[in-house]
Amino acid sequence: MVGDARRGPTLELVIASMLSMPAPPRIALLSATIGEPERLQDWLSPCQLITSSARTPLSKEVWQLESGEAPDEILAAELSAVLEDPSNAAIVFVYQRRSAEALARKLNTSLGWTVRTYHSGKSAAERASVRSEFESGACRCVVSTTALAMGVNLPATHVLVRDTSFFGFGKLRSDELLQIVGRAGRGDRAGTGVVLVRPSDDWKAEDLAEALRSEVLPPLRSSFDRAANAGQGWKSEENGVRDLAAASLVATCVGRTGADGIDRKGLEVVLGNTLGGAALVTRVDAASVAGGLVASHRLSG
């Protein structure tokens, strides 16, 4: 999540804030898909790195759809067979909330089993209820957005990914898809992960199959590194992107300190403790201008 443009900055700031405390707490970070985890050691030093390749067996499959084939019909046929075994449970991943609701309605009709939806549009209580029903076996099929992709341990025997390309964001990265299909298989039960690829998708089926098979993970990167690289080609444009990235953090840091405010040194400490700190500390002055901070009187020095 650190490299994610939407959620990465928040995670980096939370960790940086803890690292900036007079007595930093001990932090445990867990991930199944980190490339070059040694960078974490440099960031969090002193840091102990523990790695393991052990996991429940997982079969990863990529299904190439032909032109004219309906993904929902293929999913319904597969789920009908899978759920015949009362010990099986499946999670289907789609792009949007409305897609989740629409597919769940179709499956409820065609399968005759209870199918629930899970996404950020539901309240915390509703999401907890869905997880409880799934874990108890009252519901054995959930249609979800990526809200269930990471950080939620919801045991399933089968995971099916219908959508690999997100409008406005492009295709899901191979490490993101590995996280998703990795929801399948728990304890002594082997898992099966299936990814559907349509002719119009950004992924080519053979490329995705190789990526999932090899499990080569991209190196760990800060979301601020990604933001800066988005403007590569013209140095002034790159710096402008860095300024805006830093400005969002500066504004957040100022806002979180309340009436006490934060001085320049404190700001530099927090920004320097982010994973992308080296690129941000030098942008403090420009960031303050780019952010148009109304509460500039709080930012001394």
Protein backbone atom coordinates (compact mmCIF):
# COMPACT_ATOMS: atom_id res chain seq x y z
CA MET A 1 0.00 0.00 0.00
CA VAL A 2 2.96 2.34 0.52
CA GLY A 3 3.35 2.77 -3.23
CA ASP A 4 -0.36 3.34 -3.86
CA ALA A 5 -1.10 6.87 -5.04
CA ARG A 6 -4.35 7.02 -3.05
CA ARG A 7 -3.54 5.24 0.21
CA GLY A 8 0.25 5.33 0.29
CA PRO A 9 0.70 8.93 1.55
CA THR A 10 -1.54 8.27 4.56
CA LEU A 11 0.33 5.11 5.50
CA GLU A 12 3.72 6.79 5.09
CA LEU A 13 2.65 9.72 7.26
CA VAL A 14 1.33 7.46 10.01
CA ILE A 15 4.61 5.53 10.14
CA ALA A 16 6.70 8.72 9.83
CA SER A 17 4.75 10.31 12.69
CA MET A 18 5.53 7.33 14.92
CA LEU A 19 9.20 7.35 13.90
CA SER A 20 9.36 11.05 14.79
CA MET A 21 8.23 10.54 18.39
CA PRO A 22 10.81 11.09 21.15
CA ALA A 23 10.47 7.38 21.97
CA PRO A 24 9.32 5.65 18.76
CA PRO A 25 7.14 2.58 19.34
CA ARG A 26 8.07 -0.81 18.00
CA ILE A 27 6.29 -1.37 14.68
CA ALA A 28 5.37 -4.68 13.05
CA LEU A 29 4.62 -4.57 9.32
CA LEU A 30 3.26 -7.58 7.44
CA SER A 31 2.90 -8.17 3.71
CA ALA A 32 2.77 -11.11 1.33
CA THR A 33 3.93 -9.08 -1.67
CA ILE A 34 6.92 -6.82 -0.99
CA GLY A 35 9.67 -6.57 -3.57
CA GLU A 36 13.16 -5.77 -2.30
CA PRO A 37 12.09 -5.69 1.36
CA GLU A 38 15.64 -4.67 2.30
CA ARG A 39 14.57 -1.08 1.59
CA LEU A 40 12.31 -1.37 4.63
CA GLN A 41 15.39 -2.06 6.74
CA ASP A 42 17.00 1.16 5.54
CA TRP A 43 13.82 3.15 6.17
CA LEU A 44 12.94 1.75 9.60
CA SER A 45 16.48 1.11 10.86
CA PRO A 46 17.02 -0.53 13.27
CA CYS A 47 14.76 -3.15 11.70
CA GLN A 48 14.68 -6.94 11.73
CA LEU A 49 13.52 -8.52 8.47
CA ILE A 50 11.81 -11.91 8.65
CA THR A 51 10.87 -13.67 5.41
CA SER A 52 9.05 -16.92 4.73
CA SER A 53 7.97 -18.70 1.56
CA ALA A 54 5.63 -21.11 3.34
CA ARG A 55 1.94 -20.92 2.55
CA THR A 56 -1.08 -23.07 1.80
CA PRO A 57 -0.88 -24.46 -1.78
CA LEU A 58 -2.48 -22.09 -4.28
CA SER A 59 -3.40 -22.85 -7.88
CA LYS A 60 -3.33 -19.69 -10.03
CA GLU A 61 -5.18 -19.74 -13.34
CA VAL A 62 -5.75 -17.16 -16.07
CA TRP A 63 -8.76 -17.67 -18.32
CA GLN A 64 -8.66 -15.97 -21.71
CA LEU A 65 -12.18 -15.03 -22.81
CA GLU A 66 -13.06 -14.95 -26.47
CA SER A 67 -14.83 -12.04 -28.09
CA GLY A 68 -18.53 -12.25 -27.32
CA GLU A 69 -18.16 -14.43 -24.22
CA ALA A 70 -20.02 -13.02 -21.20
CA PRO A 71 -17.84 -12.94 -18.04
CA ASP A 72 -20.85 -13.07 -15.71
CA GLU A 73 -22.20 -16.23 -17.36
CA ILE A 74 -18.81 -17.92 -17.08
CA LEU A 75 -18.58 -16.93 -13.42
CA ALA A 76 -22.09 -18.22 -12.71
CA ALA A 77 -21.30 -21.59 -14.31
CA GLU A 78 -18.03 -21.94 -12.39
CA LEU A 79 -19.56 -20.90 -9.07
CA SER A 80 -22.46 -23.32 -9.54
CA ALA A 81 -19.95 -26.17 -9.76
CA VAL A 82 -17.70 -24.88 -6.97
CA LEU A 83 -20.50 -24.32 -4.45
CA GLU A 84 -21.95 -27.80 -4.98
CA ASP A 85 -19.33 -28.83 -2.43
CA PRO A 86 -20.66 -27.46 0.89
CA SER A 87 -17.11 -27.02 2.19
CA ASN A 88 -16.23 -24.53 -0.55
CA ALA A 89 -16.57 -20.75 -0.32
CA ALA A 90 -15.82 -18.18 -3.00
CA ILE A 91 -15.02 -14.47 -3.30
CA VAL A 92 -15.53 -12.70 -6.62
CA PHE A 93 -13.66 -9.44 -7.19
CA VAL A 94 -15.02 -6.69 -9.44
CA TYR A 95 -14.14 -3.05 -10.07
CA GLN A 96 -17.04 -0.91 -8.86
CA ARG A 97 -19.64 -1.00 -6.09
CA ARG A 98 -22.50 -0.94 -8.57
CA SER A 99 -20.87 -3.82 -10.46
CA ALA A 100 -20.72 -5.80 -7.22
CA GLU A 101 -24.39 -5.17 -6.48
CA ALA A 102 -25.48 -6.00 -10.05
CA LEU A 103 -23.46 -9.23 -10.20
CA ALA A 104 -24.68 -10.34 -6.77
CA ARG A 105 -28.29 -9.94 -7.92
CA LYS A 106 -27.60 -12.07 -11.00
CA LEU A 107 -25.87 -14.77 -8.98
CA ASN A 108 -28.59 -14.84 -6.33
CA THR A 109 -31.07 -15.56 -9.11
CA SER A 110 -29.02 -18.07 -11.08
CA LEU A 111 -27.33 -19.97 -8.23
CA GLY A 112 -30.11 -20.15 -5.69
CA TRP A 113 -27.59 -19.52 -2.87
CA THR A 114 -27.18 -16.45 -0.71
CA VAL A 115 -24.68 -14.05 -2.29
CA ARG A 116 -23.57 -10.96 -0.38
CA THR A 117 -21.67 -7.85 -1.45
CA TYR A 118 -18.74 -6.17 0.26
CA HIS A 119 -17.47 -2.67 -0.54
CA SER A 120 -16.64 0.69 1.01
CA GLY A 121 -20.17 1.94 0.42
CA LYS A 122 -21.42 -0.31 3.22
CA SER A 123 -21.26 0.71 6.86
CA ALA A 124 -18.73 -0.90 9.19
CA ALA A 125 -21.56 -2.87 10.79
CA GLU A 126 -22.78 -4.14 7.42
CA ARG A 127 -19.27 -5.21 6.39
CA ALA A 128 -18.79 -6.96 9.73
CA SER A 129 -22.08 -8.80 9.22
CA VAL A 130 -20.99 -10.02 5.78
CA ARG A 131 -17.66 -11.26 7.16
CA SER A 132 -19.46 -13.04 10.01
CA GLU A 133 -21.91 -14.77 7.66
CA PHE A 134 -19.08 -15.84 5.36
CA GLU A 135 -16.94 -17.22 8.18
CA SER A 136 -19.89 -19.12 9.68
CA GLY A 137 -20.92 -20.61 6.33
CA ALA A 138 -24.31 -18.87 6.29
CA CYS A 139 -23.11 -17.21 3.10
CA ARG A 140 -20.58 -18.98 0.87
CA CYS A 141 -20.23 -16.43 -1.91
CA VAL A 142 -19.28 -12.77 -1.65
CA VAL A 143 -18.91 -10.29 -4.50
CA SER A 144 -16.43 -7.61 -3.49
CA THR A 145 -14.48 -4.63 -4.71
CA THR A 146 -10.81 -4.36 -3.71
CA ALA A 147 -12.06 -3.54 -0.20
CA LEU A 148 -11.33 -7.21 0.57
CA ALA A 149 -8.10 -7.36 -1.41
CA MET A 150 -5.68 -6.62 1.42
CA GLY A 151 -5.59 -6.71 5.19
CA VAL A 152 -8.74 -8.76 5.80
CA ASN A 153 -8.29 -12.42 6.64
CA LEU A 154 -11.45 -13.93 5.20
CA PRO A 155 -10.82 -17.62 4.41
CA ALA A 156 -12.02 -18.77 1.00
CA THR A 157 -11.29 -21.84 -1.10
CA HIS A 158 -11.83 -20.03 -4.41
CA VAL A 159 -11.16 -16.48 -5.58
CA LEU A 160 -12.31 -15.28 -8.99
CA VAL A 161 -11.23 -11.92 -10.40
CA ARG A 162 -13.59 -10.59 -13.06
CA ASP A 163 -12.05 -7.15 -13.64
CA THR A 164 -8.32 -6.55 -14.12
CA SER A 165 -8.54 -3.09 -15.72
CA PHE A 166 -9.92 -0.13 -13.76
CA PHE A 167 -11.21 2.88 -15.68
CA GLY A 168 -8.95 5.86 -15.03
CA PHE A 169 -6.29 3.74 -13.29
CA GLY A 170 -5.36 1.17 -15.94
CA LYS A 171 -4.62 -2.46 -15.22
CA LEU A 172 -4.04 -3.89 -11.77
CA ARG A 173 -0.36 -4.64 -11.17
CA SER A 174 0.74 -8.25 -10.89
CA ASP A 175 1.54 -7.81 -7.17
CA GLU A 176 -1.97 -6.44 -6.58
CA LEU A 177 -3.47 -9.46 -8.35
CA LEU A 178 -1.23 -11.78 -6.32
CA GLN A 179 -2.60 -10.16 -3.17
CA ILE A 180 -6.15 -10.72 -4.38
CA VAL A 181 -5.85 -14.36 -5.49
CA GLY A 182 -3.85 -14.98 -2.30
CA ARG A 183 -7.15 -14.69 -0.40
CA ALA A 184 -7.76 -18.30 -1.50
CA GLY A 185 -6.42 -21.20 0.52
CA ARG A 186 -6.30 -21.31 4.30
CA GLY A 187 -5.10 -23.84 6.83
CA ASP A 188 -5.01 -27.31 5.32
CA ARG A 189 -7.31 -26.37 2.43
CA ALA A 190 -5.61 -25.63 -0.89
CA GLY A 191 -6.86 -22.59 -2.76
CA THR A 192 -7.75 -21.80 -6.35
CA GLY A 193 -7.38 -18.32 -7.83
CA VAL A 194 -8.85 -17.56 -11.27
CA VAL A 195 -8.35 -14.31 -13.20
CA LEU A 196 -10.53 -13.59 -16.23
CA VAL A 197 -8.99 -11.65 -19.11
CA ARG A 198 -11.18 -10.16 -21.83
CA PRO A 199 -9.92 -9.17 -25.30
CA SER A 200 -10.43 -5.50 -24.38
CA ASP A 201 -8.41 -5.69 -21.13
CA ASP A 202 -5.02 -4.03 -20.75
CA TRP A 203 -3.45 -7.34 -19.71
CA LYS A 204 -2.58 -10.02 -22.24
CA ALA A 205 -3.50 -13.42 -20.84
CA GLU A 206 -0.10 -15.00 -21.52
CA ASP A 207 1.76 -12.08 -19.93
CA LEU A 208 -0.42 -12.15 -16.84
CA ALA A 209 -0.12 -15.93 -16.50
CA GLU A 210 3.67 -15.63 -16.56
CA ALA A 211 3.64 -12.77 -14.05
CA LEU A 212 1.49 -14.74 -11.61
CA ARG A 213 3.53 -17.88 -12.11
CA SER A 214 6.93 -16.23 -11.59
CA GLU A 215 5.70 -14.01 -8.73
CA VAL A 216 8.33 -11.39 -9.55
CA LEU A 217 7.43 -8.40 -7.40
CA PRO A 218 8.19 -4.76 -8.23
CA PRO A 219 10.60 -3.04 -5.82
CA LEU A 220 9.12 -1.24 -2.85
CA ARG A 221 8.62 2.42 -3.71
CA SER A 222 7.19 5.45 -1.99
CA SER A 223 4.01 6.92 -3.42
CA PHE A 224 5.90 10.23 -3.52
CA ASP A 225 8.53 8.66 -5.76
CA ARG A 226 5.72 7.63 -8.10
CA ALA A 227 4.19 11.10 -8.00
CA ALA A 228 7.49 12.71 -8.92
CA ASN A 229 8.10 10.28 -11.75
CA ALA A 230 4.67 11.05 -13.20
CA GLY A 231 6.12 14.39 -14.30
CA GLN A 232 9.39 13.07 -15.65
CA GLY A 233 10.72 14.57 -18.85
CA TRP A 234 10.60 18.26 -17.82
CA LYS A 235 12.44 19.08 -14.61
CA SER A 236 10.20 22.01 -13.78
CA GLU A 237 7.14 19.83 -14.15
CA GLU A 238 8.70 17.11 -12.01
CA ASN A 239 9.46 19.59 -9.26
CA GLY A 240 5.90 20.89 -9.48
CA VAL A 241 4.54 17.40 -8.87
CA ARG A 242 6.95 16.96 -5.96
CA ASP A 243 5.85 20.31 -4.53
CA LEU A 244 2.18 19.29 -4.63
CA ALA A 245 2.96 15.91 -3.05
CA ALA A 246 4.95 17.60 -0.29
CA ALA A 247 2.26 20.29 0.08
CA SER A 248 -0.38 17.70 0.90
CA LEU A 249 1.86 16.32 3.63
CA VAL A 250 2.78 19.75 4.97
CA ALA A 251 -0.90 20.71 5.18
CA THR A 252 -1.71 17.42 6.90
CA CYS A 253 1.11 17.81 9.41
CA VAL A 254 0.01 21.37 10.22
CA GLY A 255 -3.61 20.30 10.53
CA ARG A 256 -2.80 17.39 12.85
CA THR A 257 -0.87 19.54 15.34
CA GLY A 258 -3.84 21.64 16.36
CA ALA A 259 -3.28 24.92 18.21
CA ASP A 260 0.32 24.04 19.07
CA GLY A 261 1.41 24.09 15.43
CA ILE A 262 4.70 22.75 14.15
CA ASP A 263 7.97 24.50 13.39
CA ARG A 264 10.18 24.02 10.38
CA LYS A 265 12.51 21.61 12.18
CA GLY A 266 9.61 19.45 13.29
CA LEU A 267 8.25 19.40 9.76
CA GLU A 268 11.58 18.37 8.33
CA VAL A 269 11.85 15.57 10.90
CA VAL A 270 8.45 14.13 9.96
CA LEU A 271 8.98 14.45 6.20
CA GLY A 272 12.49 13.04 6.55
CA ASN A 273 11.04 9.95 8.23
CA THR A 274 8.78 9.09 5.30
CA LEU A 275 10.02 6.50 2.82
CA GLY A 276 10.22 9.21 0.18
CA GLY A 277 11.72 11.70 2.64
CA ALA A 278 14.84 12.54 0.66
CA ALA A 279 12.71 13.90 -2.16
CA LEU A 280 10.41 15.84 0.16
CA VAL A 281 12.55 17.64 2.75
CA THR A 282 14.11 19.91 0.13
CA ARG A 283 10.63 20.91 -1.07
CA VAL A 284 9.29 22.33 2.21
CA ASP A 285 9.43 25.99 1.12
CA ALA A 286 7.99 25.33 -2.34
CA ALA A 287 5.37 23.04 -0.82
CA SER A 288 4.17 25.79 1.48
CA VAL A 289 3.58 28.03 -1.55
CA ALA A 290 2.01 25.24 -3.63
CA GLY A 291 -0.31 24.32 -0.79
CA GLY A 292 -1.41 27.91 -0.23
CA LEU A 293 -1.42 27.35 3.53
CA VAL A 294 -3.88 29.67 5.22
CA ALA A 295 -2.46 28.75 8.61
CA SER A 296 1.00 29.93 7.58
CA HIS A 297 1.49 31.65 10.92
CA ARG A 298 1.82 28.21 12.45
CA LEU A 299 4.75 27.36 10.19
CA SER A 300 7.67 29.25 11.69
CA GLY A 301 11.30 29.41 10.51
